[in-house]
Amino acid sequence: MITAIVLINAEVDKIPEVAQAIADIDGISEVYSVTGDVDLIAMARVREHDHLADVIADKLSKVPGILGTQTHIAFRAYSQHDLEAAFSLGIEE
């Protein structure tokens, strides 16, 4: 599983609509409204690197109301939760 963290600046008066539009994109697992330097943080989880382009460049970045994004691709996940098992329920490879 490949995880990308996307920091998003959005038009302030459209944050709820932008967040929902992003959450509706296949490959986006969560969207958080946050304080700080960005308005939203989205978690993209895909099986192959090529799918990141589909999710982030082709879909997410074209959501109306987004002013800019910055994407960070995770090398490893350090967690007490088995995220891979949670996301593979019912999926056979």
PDB file of N, CA and C in Angstrom:
ATOM      1  N   MET A   1       0.850  -1.173   0.000  1.00  0.00           N
ATOM      2  CA  MET A   1       0.000   0.000   0.000  1.00  0.00           C
ATOM      3  C   MET A   1       0.891   1.230   0.000  1.00  0.00           C
ATOM      4  N   ILE A   2       0.653   2.159  -0.897  1.00  0.00           N
ATOM      5  CA  ILE A   2       1.408   3.400  -0.987  1.00  0.00           C
ATOM      6  C   ILE A   2       0.539   4.512  -0.412  1.00  0.00           C
ATOM      7  N   THR A   3       1.120   5.271   0.501  1.00  0.00           N
ATOM      8  CA  THR A   3       0.385   6.349   1.160  1.00  0.00           C
ATOM      9  C   THR A   3       1.002   7.682   0.789  1.00  0.00           C
ATOM     10  N   ALA A   4       0.148   8.632   0.445  1.00  0.00           N
ATOM     11  CA  ALA A   4       0.580  10.003   0.205  1.00  0.00           C
ATOM     12  C   ALA A   4      -0.241  10.921   1.099  1.00  0.00           C
ATOM     13  N   ILE A   5       0.438  11.893   1.684  1.00  0.00           N
ATOM     14  CA  ILE A   5      -0.210  12.903   2.509  1.00  0.00           C
ATOM     15  C   ILE A   5      -0.246  14.172   1.671  1.00  0.00           C
ATOM     16  N   VAL A   6      -1.456  14.706   1.452  1.00  0.00           N
ATOM     17  CA  VAL A   6      -1.605  15.873   0.593  1.00  0.00           C
ATOM     18  C   VAL A   6      -2.064  17.050   1.441  1.00  0.00           C
ATOM     19  N   LEU A   7      -1.239  18.100   1.484  1.00  0.00           N
ATOM     20  CA  LEU A   7      -1.574  19.331   2.184  1.00  0.00           C
ATOM     21  C   LEU A   7      -2.274  20.245   1.184  1.00  0.00           C
ATOM     22  N   ILE A   8      -3.419  20.786   1.579  1.00  0.00           N
ATOM     23  CA  ILE A   8      -4.271  21.503   0.627  1.00  0.00           C
ATOM     24  C   ILE A   8      -4.644  22.874   1.146  1.00  0.00           C
ATOM     25  N   ASN A   9      -4.456  23.890   0.315  1.00  0.00           N
ATOM     26  CA  ASN A   9      -4.988  25.222   0.573  1.00  0.00           C
ATOM     27  C   ASN A   9      -6.233  25.385  -0.279  1.00  0.00           C
ATOM     28  N   ALA A  10      -7.297  25.877   0.351  1.00  0.00           N
ATOM     29  CA  ALA A  10      -8.575  26.003  -0.342  1.00  0.00           C
ATOM     30  C   ALA A  10      -9.168  27.380  -0.093  1.00  0.00           C
ATOM     31  N   GLU A  11     -10.106  27.754  -0.948  1.00  0.00           N
ATOM     32  CA  GLU A  11     -10.854  28.983  -0.722  1.00  0.00           C
ATOM     33  C   GLU A  11     -11.606  28.826   0.589  1.00  0.00           C
ATOM     34  N   VAL A  12     -11.432  29.773   1.506  1.00  0.00           N
ATOM     35  CA  VAL A  12     -11.952  29.640   2.864  1.00  0.00           C
ATOM     36  C   VAL A  12     -13.458  29.401   2.892  1.00  0.00           C
ATOM     37  N   ASP A  13     -14.192  30.085   2.056  1.00  0.00           N
ATOM     38  CA  ASP A  13     -15.649  29.945   2.078  1.00  0.00           C
ATOM     39  C   ASP A  13     -16.141  28.655   1.421  1.00  0.00           C
ATOM     40  N   LYS A  14     -15.217  27.857   0.868  1.00  0.00           N
ATOM     41  CA  LYS A  14     -15.595  26.606   0.207  1.00  0.00           C
ATOM     42  C   LYS A  14     -14.971  25.372   0.852  1.00  0.00           C
ATOM     43  N   ILE A  15     -14.364  25.517   2.023  1.00  0.00           N
ATOM     44  CA  ILE A  15     -13.648  24.393   2.638  1.00  0.00           C
ATOM     45  C   ILE A  15     -14.533  23.162   2.827  1.00  0.00           C
ATOM     46  N   PRO A  16     -15.743  23.272   3.370  1.00  0.00           N
ATOM     47  CA  PRO A  16     -16.550  22.049   3.536  1.00  0.00           C
ATOM     48  C   PRO A  16     -16.868  21.348   2.214  1.00  0.00           C
ATOM     49  N   GLU A  17     -17.182  22.125   1.172  1.00  0.00           N
ATOM     50  CA  GLU A  17     -17.496  21.530  -0.131  1.00  0.00           C
ATOM     51  C   GLU A  17     -16.262  20.909  -0.777  1.00  0.00           C
ATOM     52  N   VAL A  18     -15.129  21.581  -0.642  1.00  0.00           N
ATOM     53  CA  VAL A  18     -13.876  21.054  -1.184  1.00  0.00           C
ATOM     54  C   VAL A  18     -13.514  19.755  -0.466  1.00  0.00           C
ATOM     55  N   ALA A  19     -13.624  19.748   0.851  1.00  0.00           N
ATOM     56  CA  ALA A  19     -13.294  18.559   1.634  1.00  0.00           C
ATOM     57  C   ALA A  19     -14.169  17.379   1.225  1.00  0.00           C
ATOM     58  N   GLN A  20     -15.468  17.615   1.040  1.00  0.00           N
ATOM     59  CA  GLN A  20     -16.369  16.524   0.665  1.00  0.00           C
ATOM     60  C   GLN A  20     -16.063  16.024  -0.745  1.00  0.00           C
ATOM     61  N   ALA A  21     -15.770  16.936  -1.669  1.00  0.00           N
ATOM     62  CA  ALA A  21     -15.436  16.534  -3.035  1.00  0.00           C
ATOM     63  C   ALA A  21     -14.169  15.681  -3.049  1.00  0.00           C
ATOM     64  N   ILE A  22     -13.189  16.052  -2.231  1.00  0.00           N
ATOM     65  CA  ILE A  22     -11.955  15.270  -2.147  1.00  0.00           C
ATOM     66  C   ILE A  22     -12.236  13.904  -1.526  1.00  0.00           C
ATOM     67  N   ALA A  23     -13.021  13.872  -0.459  1.00  0.00           N
ATOM     68  CA  ALA A  23     -13.349  12.614   0.220  1.00  0.00           C
ATOM     69  C   ALA A  23     -14.071  11.645  -0.705  1.00  0.00           C
ATOM     70  N   ASP A  24     -14.780  12.155  -1.696  1.00  0.00           N
ATOM     71  CA  ASP A  24     -15.520  11.318  -2.639  1.00  0.00           C
ATOM     72  C   ASP A  24     -14.638  10.694  -3.720  1.00  0.00           C
ATOM     73  N   ILE A  25     -13.370  11.097  -3.801  1.00  0.00           N
ATOM     74  CA  ILE A  25     -12.457  10.566  -4.813  1.00  0.00           C
ATOM     75  C   ILE A  25     -11.989   9.175  -4.404  1.00  0.00           C
ATOM     76  N   ASP A  26     -12.107   8.222  -5.321  1.00  0.00           N
ATOM     77  CA  ASP A  26     -11.621   6.861  -5.081  1.00  0.00           C
ATOM     78  C   ASP A  26     -10.108   6.912  -4.894  1.00  0.00           C
ATOM     79  N   GLY A  27      -9.618   6.373  -3.787  1.00  0.00           N
ATOM     80  CA  GLY A  27      -8.194   6.416  -3.476  1.00  0.00           C
ATOM     81  C   GLY A  27      -7.883   7.363  -2.332  1.00  0.00           C
ATOM     82  N   ILE A  28      -8.829   8.213  -1.974  1.00  0.00           N
ATOM     83  CA  ILE A  28      -8.675   9.088  -0.813  1.00  0.00           C
ATOM     84  C   ILE A  28      -9.353   8.394   0.368  1.00  0.00           C
ATOM     85  N   SER A  29      -8.584   8.136   1.430  1.00  0.00           N
ATOM     86  CA  SER A  29      -9.150   7.418   2.572  1.00  0.00           C
ATOM     87  C   SER A  29      -9.700   8.354   3.639  1.00  0.00           C
ATOM     88  N   GLU A  30      -9.080   9.513   3.803  1.00  0.00           N
ATOM     89  CA  GLU A  30      -9.536  10.476   4.800  1.00  0.00           C
ATOM     90  C   GLU A  30      -9.218  11.884   4.337  1.00  0.00           C
ATOM     91  N   VAL A  31     -10.017  12.830   4.837  1.00  0.00           N
ATOM     92  CA  VAL A  31      -9.741  14.255   4.648  1.00  0.00           C
ATOM     93  C   VAL A  31      -9.971  14.927   5.994  1.00  0.00           C
ATOM     94  N   TYR A  32      -9.001  15.728   6.420  1.00  0.00           N
ATOM     95  CA  TYR A  32      -9.091  16.424   7.695  1.00  0.00           C
ATOM     96  C   TYR A  32      -9.093  17.931   7.474  1.00  0.00           C
ATOM     97  N   SER A  33      -9.976  18.624   8.144  1.00  0.00           N
ATOM     98  CA  SER A  33      -9.940  20.077   8.216  1.00  0.00           C
ATOM     99  C   SER A  33      -9.041  20.405   9.404  1.00  0.00           C
ATOM    100  N   VAL A  34      -8.014  21.227   9.188  1.00  0.00           N
ATOM    101  CA  VAL A  34      -6.992  21.437  10.214  1.00  0.00           C
ATOM    102  C   VAL A  34      -6.696  22.918  10.428  1.00  0.00           C
ATOM    103  N   THR A  35      -6.005  23.189  11.529  1.00  0.00           N
ATOM    104  CA  THR A  35      -5.488  24.532  11.773  1.00  0.00           C
ATOM    105  C   THR A  35      -4.049  24.569  11.290  1.00  0.00           C
ATOM    106  N   GLY A  36      -3.508  25.772  11.146  1.00  0.00           N
ATOM    107  CA  GLY A  36      -2.112  25.890  10.745  1.00  0.00           C
ATOM    108  C   GLY A  36      -1.968  26.498   9.362  1.00  0.00           C
ATOM    109  N   ASP A  37      -0.909  26.114   8.679  1.00  0.00           N
ATOM    110  CA  ASP A  37      -0.560  26.714   7.393  1.00  0.00           C
ATOM    111  C   ASP A  37      -1.406  26.217   6.228  1.00  0.00           C
ATOM    112  N   VAL A  38      -2.112  25.114   6.403  1.00  0.00           N
ATOM    113  CA  VAL A  38      -2.964  24.576   5.337  1.00  0.00           C
ATOM    114  C   VAL A  38      -4.390  24.439   5.864  1.00  0.00           C
ATOM    115  N   ASP A  39      -5.322  24.274   4.946  1.00  0.00           N
ATOM    116  CA  ASP A  39      -6.737  24.169   5.320  1.00  0.00           C
ATOM    117  C   ASP A  39      -7.195  22.729   5.487  1.00  0.00           C
ATOM    118  N   LEU A  40      -6.674  21.841   4.640  1.00  0.00           N
ATOM    119  CA  LEU A  40      -7.096  20.447   4.632  1.00  0.00           C
ATOM    120  C   LEU A  40      -5.880  19.537   4.489  1.00  0.00           C
ATOM    121  N   ILE A  41      -5.989  18.344   5.036  1.00  0.00           N
ATOM    122  CA  ILE A  41      -4.991  17.301   4.803  1.00  0.00           C
ATOM    123  C   ILE A  41      -5.747  16.064   4.335  1.00  0.00           C
ATOM    124  N   ALA A  42      -5.328  15.526   3.195  1.00  0.00           N
ATOM    125  CA  ALA A  42      -5.955  14.325   2.645  1.00  0.00           C
ATOM    126  C   ALA A  42      -4.945  13.188   2.650  1.00  0.00           C
ATOM    127  N   MET A  43      -5.440  11.997   2.932  1.00  0.00           N
ATOM    128  CA  MET A  43      -4.622  10.793   2.901  1.00  0.00           C
ATOM    129  C   MET A  43      -5.027   9.987   1.673  1.00  0.00           C
ATOM    130  N   ALA A  44      -4.073   9.780   0.774  1.00  0.00           N
ATOM    131  CA  ALA A  44      -4.318   8.963  -0.415  1.00  0.00           C
ATOM    132  C   ALA A  44      -3.642   7.617  -0.199  1.00  0.00           C
ATOM    133  N   ARG A  45      -4.372   6.546  -0.459  1.00  0.00           N
ATOM    134  CA  ARG A  45      -3.811   5.200  -0.308  1.00  0.00           C
ATOM    135  C   ARG A  45      -4.129   4.419  -1.585  1.00  0.00           C
ATOM    136  N   VAL A  46      -3.049   4.011  -2.273  1.00  0.00           N
ATOM    137  CA  VAL A  46      -3.204   3.288  -3.536  1.00  0.00           C
ATOM    138  C   VAL A  46      -2.264   2.084  -3.541  1.00  0.00           C
ATOM    139  N   ARG A  47      -2.497   1.178  -4.465  1.00  0.00           N
ATOM    140  CA  ARG A  47      -1.677  -0.035  -4.548  1.00  0.00           C
ATOM    141  C   ARG A  47      -0.411   0.170  -5.384  1.00  0.00           C
ATOM    142  N   GLU A  48      -0.444   1.088  -6.364  1.00  0.00           N
ATOM    143  CA  GLU A  48       0.705   1.287  -7.252  1.00  0.00           C
ATOM    144  C   GLU A  48       1.004   2.780  -7.390  1.00  0.00           C
ATOM    145  N   HIS A  49       2.284   3.100  -7.586  1.00  0.00           N
ATOM    146  CA  HIS A  49       2.679   4.498  -7.722  1.00  0.00           C
ATOM    147  C   HIS A  49       1.928   5.207  -8.858  1.00  0.00           C
ATOM    148  N   ASP A  50       1.715   4.506  -9.956  1.00  0.00           N
ATOM    149  CA  ASP A  50       1.024   5.121 -11.092  1.00  0.00           C
ATOM    150  C   ASP A  50      -0.367   5.617 -10.716  1.00  0.00           C
ATOM    151  N   HIS A  51      -0.992   4.972  -9.746  1.00  0.00           N
ATOM    152  CA  HIS A  51      -2.336   5.376  -9.338  1.00  0.00           C
ATOM    153  C   HIS A  51      -2.331   6.701  -8.588  1.00  0.00           C
ATOM    154  N   LEU A  52      -1.172   7.083  -8.027  1.00  0.00           N
ATOM    155  CA  LEU A  52      -1.089   8.383  -7.366  1.00  0.00           C
ATOM    156  C   LEU A  52      -1.348   9.512  -8.352  1.00  0.00           C
ATOM    157  N   ALA A  53      -0.840   9.377  -9.556  1.00  0.00           N
ATOM    158  CA  ALA A  53      -1.078  10.399 -10.573  1.00  0.00           C
ATOM    159  C   ALA A  53      -2.565  10.508 -10.887  1.00  0.00           C
ATOM    160  N   ASP A  54      -3.250   9.371 -10.969  1.00  0.00           N
ATOM    161  CA  ASP A  54      -4.690   9.391 -11.235  1.00  0.00           C
ATOM    162  C   ASP A  54      -5.443  10.105 -10.118  1.00  0.00           C
ATOM    163  N   VAL A  55      -5.105   9.767  -8.884  1.00  0.00           N
ATOM    164  CA  VAL A  55      -5.829  10.302  -7.733  1.00  0.00           C
ATOM    165  C   VAL A  55      -5.481  11.766  -7.488  1.00  0.00           C
ATOM    166  N   ILE A  56      -4.201  12.092  -7.453  1.00  0.00           N
ATOM    167  CA  ILE A  56      -3.786  13.435  -7.044  1.00  0.00           C
ATOM    168  C   ILE A  56      -3.749  14.422  -8.211  1.00  0.00           C
ATOM    169  N   ALA A  57      -3.018  14.101  -9.256  1.00  0.00           N
ATOM    170  CA  ALA A  57      -2.880  15.048 -10.366  1.00  0.00           C
ATOM    171  C   ALA A  57      -4.128  15.145 -11.233  1.00  0.00           C
ATOM    172  N   ASP A  58      -4.753  14.006 -11.495  1.00  0.00           N
ATOM    173  CA  ASP A  58      -5.893  14.016 -12.420  1.00  0.00           C
ATOM    174  C   ASP A  58      -7.225  14.339 -11.760  1.00  0.00           C
ATOM    175  N   LYS A  59      -7.382  14.043 -10.475  1.00  0.00           N
ATOM    176  CA  LYS A  59      -8.687  14.254  -9.821  1.00  0.00           C
ATOM    177  C   LYS A  59      -8.628  15.298  -8.719  1.00  0.00           C
ATOM    178  N   LEU A  60      -7.823  15.057  -7.693  1.00  0.00           N
ATOM    179  CA  LEU A  60      -7.806  15.947  -6.533  1.00  0.00           C
ATOM    180  C   LEU A  60      -7.436  17.372  -6.911  1.00  0.00           C
ATOM    181  N   SER A  61      -6.394  17.553  -7.667  1.00  0.00           N
ATOM    182  CA  SER A  61      -5.930  18.908  -7.983  1.00  0.00           C
ATOM    183  C   SER A  61      -6.907  19.695  -8.852  1.00  0.00           C
ATOM    184  N   LYS A  62      -7.888  19.012  -9.432  1.00  0.00           N
ATOM    185  CA  LYS A  62      -8.869  19.680 -10.288  1.00  0.00           C
ATOM    186  C   LYS A  62     -10.182  19.993  -9.574  1.00  0.00           C
ATOM    187  N   VAL A  63     -10.245  19.719  -8.266  1.00  0.00           N
ATOM    188  CA  VAL A  63     -11.456  20.026  -7.504  1.00  0.00           C
ATOM    189  C   VAL A  63     -11.590  21.549  -7.414  1.00  0.00           C
ATOM    190  N   PRO A  64     -12.758  22.093  -7.801  1.00  0.00           N
ATOM    191  CA  PRO A  64     -12.961  23.543  -7.707  1.00  0.00           C
ATOM    192  C   PRO A  64     -12.808  24.022  -6.265  1.00  0.00           C
ATOM    193  N   GLY A  65     -12.112  25.133  -6.091  1.00  0.00           N
ATOM    194  CA  GLY A  65     -11.916  25.704  -4.764  1.00  0.00           C
ATOM    195  C   GLY A  65     -10.543  25.431  -4.180  1.00  0.00           C
ATOM    196  N   ILE A  66      -9.776  24.533  -4.816  1.00  0.00           N
ATOM    197  CA  ILE A  66      -8.412  24.268  -4.355  1.00  0.00           C
ATOM    198  C   ILE A  66      -7.487  25.341  -4.914  1.00  0.00           C
ATOM    199  N   LEU A  67      -6.702  25.948  -4.020  1.00  0.00           N
ATOM    200  CA  LEU A  67      -5.756  26.986  -4.428  1.00  0.00           C
ATOM    201  C   LEU A  67      -4.354  26.437  -4.633  1.00  0.00           C
ATOM    202  N   GLY A  68      -4.024  25.344  -3.935  1.00  0.00           N
ATOM    203  CA  GLY A  68      -2.699  24.753  -4.076  1.00  0.00           C
ATOM    204  C   GLY A  68      -2.580  23.502  -3.237  1.00  0.00           C
ATOM    205  N   THR A  69      -1.646  22.631  -3.633  1.00  0.00           N
ATOM    206  CA  THR A  69      -1.410  21.390  -2.895  1.00  0.00           C
ATOM    207  C   THR A  69       0.087  21.146  -2.750  1.00  0.00           C
ATOM    208  N   GLN A  70       0.410  20.352  -1.759  1.00  0.00           N
ATOM    209  CA  GLN A  70       1.776  19.874  -1.580  1.00  0.00           C
ATOM    210  C   GLN A  70       1.652  18.409  -1.169  1.00  0.00           C
ATOM    211  N   THR A  71       2.332  17.527  -1.888  1.00  0.00           N
ATOM    212  CA  THR A  71       2.186  16.095  -1.662  1.00  0.00           C
ATOM    213  C   THR A  71       3.457  15.496  -1.083  1.00  0.00           C
ATOM    214  N   HIS A  72       3.283  14.663  -0.055  1.00  0.00           N
ATOM    215  CA  HIS A  72       4.385  13.951   0.585  1.00  0.00           C
ATOM    216  C   HIS A  72       4.090  12.459   0.482  1.00  0.00           C
ATOM    217  N   ILE A  73       5.008  11.698  -0.100  1.00  0.00           N
ATOM    218  CA  ILE A  73       4.830  10.251  -0.222  1.00  0.00           C
ATOM    219  C   ILE A  73       5.555   9.580   0.947  1.00  0.00           C
ATOM    220  N   ALA A  74       4.851   8.702   1.638  1.00  0.00           N
ATOM    221  CA  ALA A  74       5.415   8.020   2.805  1.00  0.00           C
ATOM    222  C   ALA A  74       6.333   6.886   2.365  1.00  0.00           C
ATOM    223  N   PHE A  75       7.480   6.766   3.027  1.00  0.00           N
ATOM    224  CA  PHE A  75       8.388   5.647   2.801  1.00  0.00           C
ATOM    225  C   PHE A  75       7.950   4.437   3.610  1.00  0.00           C
ATOM    226  N   ARG A  76       7.637   4.669   4.892  1.00  0.00           N
ATOM    227  CA  ARG A  76       7.223   3.614   5.817  1.00  0.00           C
ATOM    228  C   ARG A  76       6.149   4.146   6.731  1.00  0.00           C
ATOM    229  N   ALA A  77       5.354   3.217   7.265  1.00  0.00           N
ATOM    230  CA  ALA A  77       4.359   3.580   8.269  1.00  0.00           C
ATOM    231  C   ALA A  77       4.778   2.966   9.594  1.00  0.00           C
ATOM    232  N   TYR A  78       4.788   3.773  10.620  1.00  0.00           N
ATOM    233  CA  TYR A  78       5.080   3.300  11.968  1.00  0.00           C
ATOM    234  C   TYR A  78       3.802   3.479  12.763  1.00  0.00           C
ATOM    235  N   SER A  79       3.168   2.361  13.100  1.00  0.00           N
ATOM    236  CA  SER A  79       1.872   2.425  13.754  1.00  0.00           C
ATOM    237  C   SER A  79       1.627   1.162  14.555  1.00  0.00           C
ATOM    238  N   GLN A  80       0.793   1.288  15.578  1.00  0.00           N
ATOM    239  CA  GLN A  80       0.379   0.123  16.333  1.00  0.00           C
ATOM    240  C   GLN A  80      -0.777  -0.574  15.637  1.00  0.00           C
ATOM    241  N   HIS A  81      -1.337   0.062  14.646  1.00  0.00           N
ATOM    242  CA  HIS A  81      -2.458  -0.502  13.895  1.00  0.00           C
ATOM    243  C   HIS A  81      -1.939  -1.175  12.638  1.00  0.00           C
ATOM    244  N   ASP A  82      -2.533  -2.271  12.257  1.00  0.00           N
ATOM    245  CA  ASP A  82      -2.144  -2.966  11.038  1.00  0.00           C
ATOM    246  C   ASP A  82      -2.974  -2.399   9.885  1.00  0.00           C
ATOM    247  N   LEU A  83      -2.518  -1.269   9.325  1.00  0.00           N
ATOM    248  CA  LEU A  83      -3.267  -0.596   8.272  1.00  0.00           C
ATOM    249  C   LEU A  83      -3.417  -1.457   7.036  1.00  0.00           C
ATOM    250  N   GLU A  84      -2.399  -2.201   6.684  1.00  0.00           N
ATOM    251  CA  GLU A  84      -2.482  -3.043   5.488  1.00  0.00           C
ATOM    252  C   GLU A  84      -3.614  -4.057   5.628  1.00  0.00           C
ATOM    253  N   ALA A  85      -3.734  -4.659   6.789  1.00  0.00           N
ATOM    254  CA  ALA A  85      -4.802  -5.638   7.004  1.00  0.00           C
ATOM    255  C   ALA A  85      -6.171  -4.961   6.952  1.00  0.00           C
ATOM    256  N   ALA A  86      -6.263  -3.760   7.504  1.00  0.00           N
ATOM    257  CA  ALA A  86      -7.541  -3.049   7.508  1.00  0.00           C
ATOM    258  C   ALA A  86      -7.988  -2.706   6.098  1.00  0.00           C
ATOM    259  N   PHE A  87      -7.067  -2.359   5.229  1.00  0.00           N
ATOM    260  CA  PHE A  87      -7.422  -1.952   3.882  1.00  0.00           C
ATOM    261  C   PHE A  87      -7.515  -3.128   2.909  1.00  0.00           C
ATOM    262  N   SER A  88      -7.131  -4.316   3.328  1.00  0.00           N
ATOM    263  CA  SER A  88      -7.180  -5.449   2.422  1.00  0.00           C
ATOM    264  C   SER A  88      -8.323  -6.409   2.742  1.00  0.00           C
ATOM    265  N   LEU A  89      -9.187  -6.048   3.650  1.00  0.00           N
ATOM    266  CA  LEU A  89     -10.310  -6.920   3.981  1.00  0.00           C
ATOM    267  C   LEU A  89     -11.149  -7.185   2.747  1.00  0.00           C
ATOM    268  N   GLY A  90     -11.347  -8.445   2.453  1.00  0.00           N
ATOM    269  CA  GLY A  90     -12.179  -8.812   1.315  1.00  0.00           C
ATOM    270  C   GLY A  90     -11.509  -8.694  -0.033  1.00  0.00           C
ATOM    271  N   ILE A  91     -10.256  -8.328  -0.064  1.00  0.00           N
ATOM    272  CA  ILE A  91      -9.550  -8.176  -1.343  1.00  0.00           C
ATOM    273  C   ILE A  91      -8.544  -9.301  -1.473  1.00  0.00           C
ATOM    274  N   GLU A  92      -8.649 -10.028  -2.556  1.00  0.00           N
ATOM    275  CA  GLU A  92      -7.702 -11.109  -2.805  1.00  0.00           C
ATOM    276  C   GLU A  92      -6.752 -10.689  -3.886  1.00  0.00           C
ATOM    277  N   GLU A  93      -5.485 -10.992  -3.709  1.00  0.00           N
ATOM    278  CA  GLU A  93      -4.497 -10.588  -4.701  1.00  0.00           C
ATOM    279  C   GLU A  93      -4.187 -11.717  -5.637  1.00  0.00           C
TER     280      GLU A  93
END
